[in-house]
C-alpha atoms as a PDB file:
ATOM      1  CA  MET A   1     220.019 -23.594  16.048  1.00  0.00           C
ATOM      2  CA  ASN A   2     219.330 -22.667  19.672  1.00  0.00           C
ATOM      3  CA  THR A   3     215.726 -21.877  18.745  1.00  0.00           C
ATOM      4  CA  PHE A   4     215.383 -25.245  17.064  1.00  0.00           C
ATOM      5  CA  ILE A   5     216.837 -27.092  20.055  1.00  0.00           C
ATOM      6  CA  ARG A   6     214.530 -25.199  22.406  1.00  0.00           C
ATOM      7  CA  ALA A   7     211.483 -26.087  20.268  1.00  0.00           C
ATOM      8  CA  VAL A   8     212.458 -29.759  20.235  1.00  0.00           C
ATOM      9  CA  ALA A   9     212.899 -29.715  24.001  1.00  0.00           C
ATOM     10  CA  VAL A  10     209.483 -28.150  24.549  1.00  0.00           C
ATOM     11  CA  THR A  11     207.856 -30.700  22.230  1.00  0.00           C
ATOM     12  CA  ALA A  12     209.574 -33.564  24.030  1.00  0.00           C
ATOM     13  CA  ALA A  13     208.412 -32.232  27.388  1.00  0.00           C
ATOM     14  CA  LEU A  14     204.825 -32.028  26.178  1.00  0.00           C
ATOM     15  CA  VAL A  15     204.945 -35.556  24.779  1.00  0.00           C
ATOM     16  CA  GLY A  16     206.444 -36.799  28.038  1.00  0.00           C
ATOM     17  CA  ALA A  17     203.684 -35.143  30.068  1.00  0.00           C
ATOM     18  CA  GLU A  18     201.024 -36.676  27.841  1.00  0.00           C
ATOM     19  CA  ALA A  19     202.621 -40.103  28.049  1.00  0.00           C
ATOM     20  CA  SER A  20     202.725 -39.955  31.860  1.00  0.00           C
ATOM     21  CA  ALA A  21     199.048 -39.018  32.218  1.00  0.00           C
ATOM     22  CA  THR A  22     197.225 -41.422  34.513  1.00  0.00           C
ATOM     23  CA  ASN A  23     193.604 -42.410  35.127  1.00  0.00           C
ATOM     24  CA  TYR A  24     192.246 -42.693  38.668  1.00  0.00           C
ATOM     25  CA  THR A  25     188.976 -43.872  40.218  1.00  0.00           C
ATOM     26  CA  LEU A  26     187.669 -41.842  43.155  1.00  0.00           C
ATOM     27  CA  TRP A  27     185.133 -43.299  45.610  1.00  0.00           C
ATOM     28  CA  ILE A  28     183.215 -40.694  47.644  1.00  0.00           C
ATOM     29  CA  HIS A  29     181.241 -42.127  50.554  1.00  0.00           C
ATOM     30  CA  GLY A  30     178.037 -40.883  52.133  1.00  0.00           C
ATOM     31  CA  LYS A  31     176.739 -40.325  55.643  1.00  0.00           C
ATOM     32  CA  ASN A  32     178.689 -42.216  58.300  1.00  0.00           C
ATOM     33  CA  ASP A  33     179.841 -41.872  61.897  1.00  0.00           C
ATOM     34  CA  ASN A  34     183.249 -40.469  60.921  1.00  0.00           C
ATOM     35  CA  LYS A  35     185.196 -43.690  61.437  1.00  0.00           C
ATOM     36  CA  THR A  36     187.103 -43.075  58.200  1.00  0.00           C
ATOM     37  CA  GLN A  37     190.126 -40.787  58.330  1.00  0.00           C
ATOM     38  CA  GLY A  38     189.610 -37.583  56.378  1.00  0.00           C
ATOM     39  CA  GLY A  39     192.236 -37.156  53.693  1.00  0.00           C
ATOM     40  CA  ASN A  40     193.332 -40.811  53.826  1.00  0.00           C
ATOM     41  CA  HIS A  41     192.886 -42.014  50.257  1.00  0.00           C
ATOM     42  CA  ALA A  42     193.760 -45.649  51.057  1.00  0.00           C
ATOM     43  CA  ASP A  43     191.048 -46.366  53.661  1.00  0.00           C
ATOM     44  CA  PHE A  44     188.164 -48.255  52.011  1.00  0.00           C
ATOM     45  CA  SER A  45     186.570 -49.384  55.291  1.00  0.00           C
ATOM     46  CA  TYR A  46     183.284 -47.629  54.408  1.00  0.00           C
ATOM     47  CA  TRP A  47     182.968 -49.722  51.280  1.00  0.00           C
ATOM     48  CA  GLY A  48     184.492 -53.138  51.905  1.00  0.00           C
ATOM     49  CA  PRO A  49     187.779 -54.992  51.365  1.00  0.00           C
ATOM     50  CA  SER A  50     190.301 -52.772  49.612  1.00  0.00           C
ATOM     51  CA  SER A  51     191.351 -55.785  47.549  1.00  0.00           C
ATOM     52  CA  ALA A  52     188.090 -55.668  45.556  1.00  0.00           C
ATOM     53  CA  ALA A  53     188.293 -54.614  41.921  1.00  0.00           C
ATOM     54  CA  ALA A  54     186.881 -51.090  41.890  1.00  0.00           C
ATOM     55  CA  GLY A  55     188.408 -49.249  38.956  1.00  0.00           C
ATOM     56  CA  VAL A  56     191.856 -48.229  37.849  1.00  0.00           C
ATOM     57  CA  ASN A  57     194.079 -46.723  40.569  1.00  0.00           C
ATOM     58  CA  LYS A  58     191.195 -46.511  43.048  1.00  0.00           C
ATOM     59  CA  LYS A  59     191.265 -43.896  45.796  1.00  0.00           C
ATOM     60  CA  ALA A  60     188.925 -43.466  48.768  1.00  0.00           C
ATOM     61  CA  VAL A  61     187.836 -39.856  49.222  1.00  0.00           C
ATOM     62  CA  ASN A  62     187.186 -39.827  52.964  1.00  0.00           C
ATOM     63  CA  TRP A  63     185.455 -36.948  54.719  1.00  0.00           C
ATOM     64  CA  ASN A  64     183.666 -36.409  58.017  1.00  0.00           C
ATOM     65  CA  GLY A  65     180.324 -37.975  57.119  1.00  0.00           C
ATOM     66  CA  THR A  66     178.542 -36.315  60.034  1.00  0.00           C
ATOM     67  CA  GLN A  67     179.189 -32.719  58.953  1.00  0.00           C
ATOM     68  CA  ARG A  68     177.504 -30.421  56.456  1.00  0.00           C
ATOM     69  CA  ILE A  69     178.411 -30.661  52.782  1.00  0.00           C
ATOM     70  CA  SER A  70     179.824 -27.133  52.548  1.00  0.00           C
ATOM     71  CA  VAL A  71     182.048 -27.721  55.599  1.00  0.00           C
ATOM     72  CA  GLU A  72     183.626 -30.951  54.336  1.00  0.00           C
ATOM     73  CA  ASN A  73     183.601 -30.360  50.588  1.00  0.00           C
ATOM     74  CA  TYR A  74     187.228 -29.211  50.688  1.00  0.00           C
ATOM     75  CA  ARG A  75     188.199 -32.865  51.173  1.00  0.00           C
ATOM     76  CA  VAL A  76     186.533 -33.722  47.872  1.00  0.00           C
ATOM     77  CA  ARG A  77     188.102 -30.750  46.092  1.00  0.00           C
ATOM     78  CA  ASP A  78     191.529 -31.702  47.455  1.00  0.00           C
ATOM     79  CA  ALA A  79     191.158 -35.188  45.954  1.00  0.00           C
ATOM     80  CA  LEU A  80     189.882 -33.838  42.642  1.00  0.00           C
ATOM     81  CA  ASP A  81     192.825 -31.436  42.513  1.00  0.00           C
ATOM     82  CA  CYS A  82     195.238 -34.269  43.323  1.00  0.00           C
ATOM     83  CA  TYR A  83     194.137 -36.803  40.736  1.00  0.00           C
ATOM     84  CA  CYS A  84     192.032 -34.985  38.135  1.00  0.00           C
ATOM     85  CA  THR A  85     194.379 -32.210  36.969  1.00  0.00           C
ATOM     86  CA  ASN A  86     197.714 -31.945  35.168  1.00  0.00           C
ATOM     87  CA  GLY A  87     196.666 -34.234  32.322  1.00  0.00           C
ATOM     88  CA  ASN A  88     195.311 -36.936  34.664  1.00  0.00           C
ATOM     89  CA  TRP A  89     191.674 -38.037  34.381  1.00  0.00           C
ATOM     90  CA  CYS A  90     189.216 -39.414  36.911  1.00  0.00           C
ATOM     91  CA  TYR A  91     186.281 -41.748  37.068  1.00  0.00           C
ATOM     92  CA  VAL A  92     184.125 -40.984  40.101  1.00  0.00           C
ATOM     93  CA  ALA A  93     181.814 -43.295  42.060  1.00  0.00           C
ATOM     94  CA  VAL A  94     179.657 -41.986  44.889  1.00  0.00           C
ATOM     95  CA  HIS A  95     177.160 -43.304  47.411  1.00  0.00           C
ATOM     96  CA  SER A  96     174.249 -41.541  49.102  1.00  0.00           C
ATOM     97  CA  ALA A  97     175.389 -38.104  50.379  1.00  0.00           C
ATOM     98  CA  GLY A  98     178.557 -38.516  48.311  1.00  0.00           C
ATOM     99  CA  ASP A  99     176.255 -37.543  45.433  1.00  0.00           C
ATOM    100  CA  LEU A 100     175.701 -34.173  47.117  1.00  0.00           C
ATOM    101  CA  GLN A 101     179.452 -33.798  47.612  1.00  0.00           C
ATOM    102  CA  ILE A 102     180.447 -34.269  43.955  1.00  0.00           C
ATOM    103  CA  GLY A 103     177.427 -32.303  42.694  1.00  0.00           C
ATOM    104  CA  TYR A 104     178.252 -29.416  45.023  1.00  0.00           C
ATOM    105  CA  ALA A 105     181.930 -29.447  44.003  1.00  0.00           C
ATOM    106  CA  LEU A 106     181.161 -29.388  40.278  1.00  0.00           C
ATOM    107  CA  SER A 107     178.404 -26.786  40.462  1.00  0.00           C
ATOM    108  CA  MET A 108     180.108 -24.399  42.895  1.00  0.00           C
ATOM    109  CA  TYR A 109     183.794 -24.877  42.002  1.00  0.00           C
ATOM    110  CA  GLY A 110     183.923 -26.727  38.670  1.00  0.00           C
ATOM    111  CA  GLY A 111     184.360 -23.490  36.751  1.00  0.00           C
ATOM    112  CA  SER A 112     187.152 -22.147  38.940  1.00  0.00           C
ATOM    113  CA  ALA A 113     190.900 -22.103  38.347  1.00  0.00           C
ATOM    114  CA  ARG A 114     192.549 -25.123  39.929  1.00  0.00           C
ATOM    115  CA  ASN A 115     196.254 -25.510  40.617  1.00  0.00           C
ATOM    116  CA  LYS A 116     197.717 -28.477  38.773  1.00  0.00           C
ATOM    117  CA  LYS A 117     198.898 -31.116  41.242  1.00  0.00           C
ATOM    118  CA  ASP A 118     201.402 -33.983  41.380  1.00  0.00           C
ATOM    119  CA  ALA A 119     199.047 -36.799  42.544  1.00  0.00           C
ATOM    120  CA  ARG A 120     201.197 -37.369  45.623  1.00  0.00           C
ATOM    121  CA  PRO A 121     199.030 -36.572  48.653  1.00  0.00           C
ATOM    122  CA  ASN A 122     200.411 -35.827  52.089  1.00  0.00           C
ATOM    123  CA  SER A 123     198.812 -37.213  55.251  1.00  0.00           C
ATOM    124  CA  SER A 124     196.030 -34.628  54.957  1.00  0.00           C
ATOM    125  CA  GLY A 125     195.174 -35.591  51.388  1.00  0.00           C
ATOM    126  CA  VAL A 126     196.717 -32.496  49.812  1.00  0.00           C
ATOM    127  CA  CYS A 127     198.999 -32.817  46.792  1.00  0.00           C
ATOM    128  CA  GLY A 128     201.865 -30.577  45.714  1.00  0.00           C
ATOM    129  CA  ASP A 129     201.699 -27.945  42.994  1.00  0.00           C
ATOM    130  CA  VAL A 130     203.504 -28.643  39.742  1.00  0.00           C
ATOM    131  CA  GLY A 131     202.958 -25.172  38.279  1.00  0.00           C
ATOM    132  CA  GLY A 132     200.140 -23.803  36.181  1.00  0.00           C
ATOM    133  CA  THR A 133     196.371 -23.867  36.510  1.00  0.00           C
ATOM    134  CA  GLN A 134     193.378 -25.263  34.675  1.00  0.00           C
ATOM    135  CA  THR A 135     189.642 -24.658  34.770  1.00  0.00           C
ATOM    136  CA  GLY A 136     187.858 -27.296  36.834  1.00  0.00           C
ATOM    137  CA  TRP A 137     188.736 -30.977  36.751  1.00  0.00           C
ATOM    138  CA  ASN A 138     189.205 -33.766  34.208  1.00  0.00           C
ATOM    139  CA  ILE A 139     186.314 -36.137  34.974  1.00  0.00           C
ATOM    140  CA  LYS A 140     185.101 -38.797  32.556  1.00  0.00           C
ATOM    141  CA  TRP A 141     181.811 -39.658  34.335  1.00  0.00           C
ATOM    142  CA  VAL A 142     180.181 -40.223  37.722  1.00  0.00           C
ATOM    143  CA  ASP A 143     178.484 -43.472  38.816  1.00  0.00           C
ATOM    144  CA  VAL A 144     175.924 -42.835  41.562  1.00  0.00           C
ATOM    145  CA  ALA A 145     174.820 -45.537  44.027  1.00  0.00           C
ATOM    146  CA  SER A 146     171.500 -44.496  45.609  1.00  0.00           C
ATOM    147  CA  GLY A 147     172.311 -40.816  45.336  1.00  0.00           C
ATOM    148  CA  ALA A 148     170.923 -38.451  47.967  1.00  0.00           C
ATOM    149  CA  SER A 149     171.291 -35.244  45.974  1.00  0.00           C
ATOM    150  CA  GLY A 150     167.512 -34.884  46.200  1.00  0.00           C
ATOM    151  CA  GLY A 151     167.492 -35.445  49.959  1.00  0.00           C
ATOM    152  CA  SER A 152     165.572 -37.958  52.051  1.00  0.00           C
ATOM    153  CA  GLU A 153     162.245 -37.789  53.840  1.00  0.00           C
ATOM    154  CA  LEU A 154     163.939 -39.495  56.790  1.00  0.00           C
ATOM    155  CA  ALA A 155     165.663 -36.150  57.362  1.00  0.00           C
ATOM    156  CA  ASP A 156     162.388 -34.272  56.796  1.00  0.00           C
ATOM    157  CA  LYS A 157     160.626 -36.308  59.485  1.00  0.00           C
ATOM    158  CA  GLY A 158     163.526 -36.510  61.948  1.00  0.00           C
ATOM    159  CA  GLU A 159     163.758 -40.295  61.684  1.00  0.00           C
ATOM    160  CA  TRP A 160     167.531 -40.526  62.097  1.00  0.00           C
ATOM    161  CA  ALA A 161     168.365 -41.113  65.759  1.00  0.00           C
ATOM    162  CA  VAL A 162     171.581 -39.093  65.504  1.00  0.00           C
ATOM    163  CA  LYS A 163     171.038 -35.422  64.713  1.00  0.00           C
ATOM    164  CA  ASP A 164     174.315 -34.878  62.901  1.00  0.00           C
ATOM    165  CA  PRO A 165     174.732 -31.560  61.055  1.00  0.00           C
ATOM    166  CA  LEU A 166     174.615 -33.481  57.756  1.00  0.00           C
ATOM    167  CA  VAL A 167     171.005 -34.467  58.445  1.00  0.00           C
ATOM    168  CA  SER A 168     170.025 -30.810  58.016  1.00  0.00           C
ATOM    169  CA  ASP A 169     171.497 -30.894  54.506  1.00  0.00           C
ATOM    170  CA  LEU A 170     169.546 -34.065  53.683  1.00  0.00           C
ATOM    171  CA  VAL A 171     166.146 -32.418  54.149  1.00  0.00           C
ATOM    172  CA  THR A 172     164.639 -32.710  50.673  1.00  0.00           C
ATOM    173  CA  THR A 173     164.020 -29.007  50.068  1.00  0.00           C
ATOM    174  CA  THR A 174     167.459 -28.096  51.456  1.00  0.00           C
ATOM    175  CA  ALA A 175     169.349 -30.666  49.372  1.00  0.00           C
ATOM    176  CA  ARG A 176     167.556 -29.602  46.202  1.00  0.00           C
ATOM    177  CA  ALA A 177     168.248 -25.892  46.801  1.00  0.00           C
ATOM    178  CA  MET A 178     171.872 -26.308  47.901  1.00  0.00           C
ATOM    179  CA  TYR A 179     173.326 -25.746  44.401  1.00  0.00           C
ATOM    180  CA  ASN A 180     172.247 -25.873  40.766  1.00  0.00           C
ATOM    181  CA  HIS A 181     171.942 -29.603  40.127  1.00  0.00           C
ATOM    182  CA  ASN A 182     171.813 -28.958  36.368  1.00  0.00           C
ATOM    183  CA  THR A 183     175.338 -27.525  36.446  1.00  0.00           C
ATOM    184  CA  THR A 184     177.567 -30.598  36.122  1.00  0.00           C
ATOM    185  CA  ARG A 185     180.159 -29.002  33.789  1.00  0.00           C
ATOM    186  CA  SER A 186     178.909 -31.452  31.117  1.00  0.00           C
ATOM    187  CA  VAL A 187     179.906 -34.456  33.250  1.00  0.00           C
ATOM    188  CA  TRP A 188     177.383 -37.302  33.029  1.00  0.00           C
ATOM    189  CA  PHE A 189     175.901 -38.775  36.212  1.00  0.00           C
ATOM    190  CA  TYR A 190     174.782 -42.414  35.840  1.00  0.00           C
ATOM    191  CA  ASN A 191     172.276 -43.233  38.568  1.00  0.00           C
ATOM    192  CA  PHE A 192     171.746 -46.677  40.100  1.00  0.00           C
ATOM    193  CA  ALA A 193     168.457 -46.688  42.047  1.00  0.00           C
ATOM    194  CA  GLY A 194     167.768 -49.430  44.613  1.00  0.00           C
ATOM    195  CA  SER A 195     164.283 -50.418  45.779  1.00  0.00           C
ATOM    196  CA  LYS A 196     164.688 -53.127  48.440  1.00  0.00           C
ATOM    197  CA  GLY A 197     163.115 -51.017  51.135  1.00  0.00           C
ATOM    198  CA  THR A 198     160.477 -51.985  53.683  1.00  0.00           C
ATOM    199  CA  LEU A 199     161.410 -50.472  57.051  1.00  0.00           C
ATOM    200  CA  TYR A 200     160.385 -46.894  56.240  1.00  0.00           C
ATOM    201  CA  SER A 201     157.808 -47.542  53.536  1.00  0.00           C
ATOM    202  CA  GLY A 202     155.302 -45.302  55.322  1.00  0.00           C
ATOM    203  CA  ILE A 203     157.697 -42.334  55.314  1.00  0.00           C
ATOM    204  CA  LEU A 204     159.649 -42.624  52.084  1.00  0.00           C
ATOM    205  CA  PRO A 205     157.427 -41.970  49.045  1.00  0.00           C
ATOM    206  CA  GLY A 206     157.289 -44.443  46.188  1.00  0.00           C
ATOM    207  CA  GLN A 207     160.044 -47.007  45.741  1.00  0.00           C
ATOM    208  CA  ASP A 208     162.965 -46.732  48.200  1.00  0.00           C
ATOM    209  CA  ASP A 209     166.024 -48.599  49.457  1.00  0.00           C
ATOM    210  CA  GLU A 210     165.353 -47.981  53.183  1.00  0.00           C
ATOM    211  CA  ALA A 211     167.119 -44.608  53.146  1.00  0.00           C
ATOM    212  CA  VAL A 212     166.398 -42.726  49.910  1.00  0.00           C
ATOM    213  CA  SER A 213     163.492 -42.760  47.448  1.00  0.00           C
ATOM    214  CA  TYR A 214     163.515 -42.997  43.658  1.00  0.00           C
ATOM    215  CA  HIS A 215     162.922 -39.253  43.238  1.00  0.00           C
ATOM    216  CA  SER A 216     166.433 -38.716  44.618  1.00  0.00           C
ATOM    217  CA  THR A 217     168.251 -41.858  43.504  1.00  0.00           C
ATOM    218  CA  GLY A 218     166.863 -41.338  39.999  1.00  0.00           C
ATOM    219  CA  GLY A 219     168.159 -37.770  39.680  1.00  0.00           C
ATOM    220  CA  VAL A 220     164.651 -36.359  39.245  1.00  0.00           C
ATOM    221  CA  SER A 221     164.446 -32.574  39.213  1.00  0.00           C
ATOM    222  CA  GLY A 222     162.162 -30.308  41.196  1.00  0.00           C
ATOM    223  CA  SER A 223     162.087 -28.457  44.505  1.00  0.00           C
ATOM    224  CA  SER A 224     160.709 -31.416  46.472  1.00  0.00           C
ATOM    225  CA  GLY A 225     160.343 -35.191  46.240  1.00  0.00           C
ATOM    226  CA  ALA A 226     157.745 -37.196  44.329  1.00  0.00           C
ATOM    227  CA  SER A 227     156.266 -40.678  44.636  1.00  0.00           C
ATOM    228  CA  LEU A 228     157.912 -42.732  41.873  1.00  0.00           C
ATOM    229  CA  CYS A 229     158.002 -46.481  41.345  1.00  0.00           C
ATOM    230  CA  ASN A 230     158.833 -49.396  39.072  1.00  0.00           C
ATOM    231  CA  PRO A 231     156.610 -50.100  36.057  1.00  0.00           C
ATOM    232  CA  GLY A 232     153.217 -51.560  36.858  1.00  0.00           C
ATOM    233  CA  ASP A 233     152.929 -50.191  40.401  1.00  0.00           C
ATOM    234  CA  LEU A 234     149.453 -48.655  40.596  1.00  0.00           C
ATOM    235  CA  PHE A 235     149.947 -46.946  43.945  1.00  0.00           C
ATOM    236  CA  CYS A 236     152.550 -44.382  42.877  1.00  0.00           C
ATOM    237  CA  GLY A 237     152.538 -40.991  41.255  1.00  0.00           C
ATOM    238  CA  GLY A 238     154.511 -42.238  38.279  1.00  0.00           C
ATOM    239  CA  THR A 239     157.199 -44.555  36.916  1.00  0.00           C
ATOM    240  CA  LEU A 240     160.901 -43.753  37.132  1.00  0.00           C
ATOM    241  CA  ASN A 241     161.995 -44.272  33.537  1.00  0.00           C
ATOM    242  CA  THR A 242     165.511 -45.395  32.692  1.00  0.00           C
ATOM    243  CA  GLY A 243     167.951 -43.303  30.693  1.00  0.00           C
ATOM    244  CA  THR A 244     167.353 -39.580  30.420  1.00  0.00           C
ATOM    245  CA  SER A 245     163.604 -39.835  29.797  1.00  0.00           C
ATOM    246  CA  ALA A 246     161.232 -37.936  32.047  1.00  0.00           C
ATOM    247  CA  CYS A 247     159.149 -39.896  34.536  1.00  0.00           C
ATOM    248  CA  SER A 248     155.777 -41.129  33.308  1.00  0.00           C
ATOM    249  CA  SER A 249     154.194 -38.397  35.448  1.00  0.00           C
ATOM    250  CA  GLY A 250     156.149 -35.731  33.583  1.00  0.00           C
ATOM    251  CA  GLN A 251     158.958 -34.856  35.996  1.00  0.00           C
ATOM    252  CA  ALA A 252     162.240 -34.399  34.144  1.00  0.00           C
ATOM    253  CA  LYS A 253     165.650 -35.493  35.332  1.00  0.00           C
ATOM    254  CA  TRP A 254     168.356 -32.958  36.003  1.00  0.00           C
ATOM    255  CA  SER A 255     170.635 -32.197  33.062  1.00  0.00           C
ATOM    256  CA  TYR A 256     173.349 -34.786  32.396  1.00  0.00           C
ATOM    257  CA  HIS A 257     171.623 -37.335  34.655  1.00  0.00           C
ATOM    258  CA  SER A 258     170.665 -40.778  33.372  1.00  0.00           C
ATOM    259  CA  VAL A 259     169.226 -43.804  35.212  1.00  0.00           C
ATOM    260  CA  LYS A 260     171.497 -46.717  34.375  1.00  0.00           C
ATOM    261  CA  LEU A 261     169.883 -49.199  36.772  1.00  0.00           C
ATOM    262  CA  ARG A 262     166.313 -49.203  38.080  1.00  0.00           C
ATOM    263  CA  ASP A 263     165.859 -51.982  40.620  1.00  0.00           C
ATOM    264  CA  ASP A 264     162.778 -53.644  39.110  1.00  0.00           C
ATOM    265  CA  ASN A 265     163.357 -56.833  41.132  1.00  0.00           C
ATOM    266  CA  GLU A 266     163.695 -55.012  44.462  1.00  0.00           C
ATOM    267  CA  ALA A 267     167.069 -56.685  45.001  1.00  0.00           C
ATOM    268  CA  TYR A 268     169.262 -53.853  46.311  1.00  0.00           C
ATOM    269  CA  ASP A 269     169.055 -51.950  49.584  1.00  0.00           C
ATOM    270  CA  HIS A 270     171.067 -48.892  50.593  1.00  0.00           C
ATOM    271  CA  HIS A 271     173.783 -50.444  52.716  1.00  0.00           C
ATOM    272  CA  ALA A 272     177.392 -51.392  51.904  1.00  0.00           C
ATOM    273  CA  ALA A 273     177.448 -53.755  54.922  1.00  0.00           C
ATOM    274  CA  GLY A 274     181.235 -53.636  54.921  1.00  0.00           C
ATOM    275  CA  ASN A 275     181.388 -55.729  51.768  1.00  0.00           C
ATOM    276  CA  TRP A 276     180.498 -53.588  48.739  1.00  0.00           C
ATOM    277  CA  ALA A 277     176.907 -54.780  49.197  1.00  0.00           C
ATOM    278  CA  GLY A 278     173.452 -53.401  48.387  1.00  0.00           C
ATOM    279  CA  ILE A 279     173.184 -50.965  45.490  1.00  0.00           C
ATOM    280  CA  ILE A 280     176.946 -50.428  45.734  1.00  0.00           C
ATOM    281  CA  ALA A 281     177.483 -53.929  44.296  1.00  0.00           C
ATOM    282  CA  PRO A 282     176.297 -53.194  40.731  1.00  0.00           C
ATOM    283  CA  VAL A 283     178.086 -49.839  40.800  1.00  0.00           C
ATOM    284  CA  ARG A 284     181.352 -51.512  41.798  1.00  0.00           C
ATOM    285  CA  ALA A 285     180.881 -54.062  39.004  1.00  0.00           C
ATOM    286  CA  ASP A 286     180.201 -51.300  36.472  1.00  0.00           C
ATOM    287  CA  VAL A 287     183.241 -49.330  37.589  1.00  0.00           C
ATOM    288  CA  ALA A 288     185.476 -52.400  37.588  1.00  0.00           C
ATOM    289  CA  THR A 289     184.443 -53.083  33.983  1.00  0.00           C
ATOM    290  CA  ASN A 290     184.519 -49.556  32.591  1.00  0.00           C
ATOM    291  CA  ALA A 291     186.949 -47.468  34.651  1.00  0.00           C
ATOM    292  CA  LYS A 292     190.181 -48.398  32.906  1.00  0.00           C
END
């Protein structure tokens, strides 16, 4: 009888844990001047009004956007531990260097044992242990707004006025060698590539959004950048194809990377402008619709 009661109790506990599982949406920002508070998951000032629809149980993963990826990646891992373990699942949206942050976390730490957490962060963004571990995190997919995981020629040429440590990581060859971009732990990255760029057209190859070119925002593999454009542009090295297809010039995308939006109308630049603007706008709309 005692054995039976114990078995029923264990089953009830498991059912209760499953029933209480929650979905969260994590927003990981890119390069900034560190005005956001690291570990504060309620501060959406990088993106725009916090009242905007941006996915179920949205959380802002704030980090010092002037520092190197390896130095600040613990902030991202803390948030992933908080909300993407213990039966909880996450949708992730990233912008610019936030693409490097989630890619680095998954490649370098996504196969490690993670303590299961209670989704109740302290002021530093660290959640409490609930007991037990799991391998990696529960992530449904990643939406990428103008991802900089392939670096930017603005860093190569020293075009940023501020020489923050992060700029060193954004050199194209450095960003591409930082970790194995093919190792996503089977998590799909859906890339949104903007092309409303004119200011640095002589520096950024192919189509760009004034900060990052298609070779990076399109998740295109290789050790350095390429000149890639929209269909019909005769002055580029090739066309960035949508989906998982290789570029017309033959360059393949990294594994588990797919171009969901190619900005054929040159409508989206790189900048949030404090109002979920630029290429962030269609990503926010996609997340609001699909991150439930």
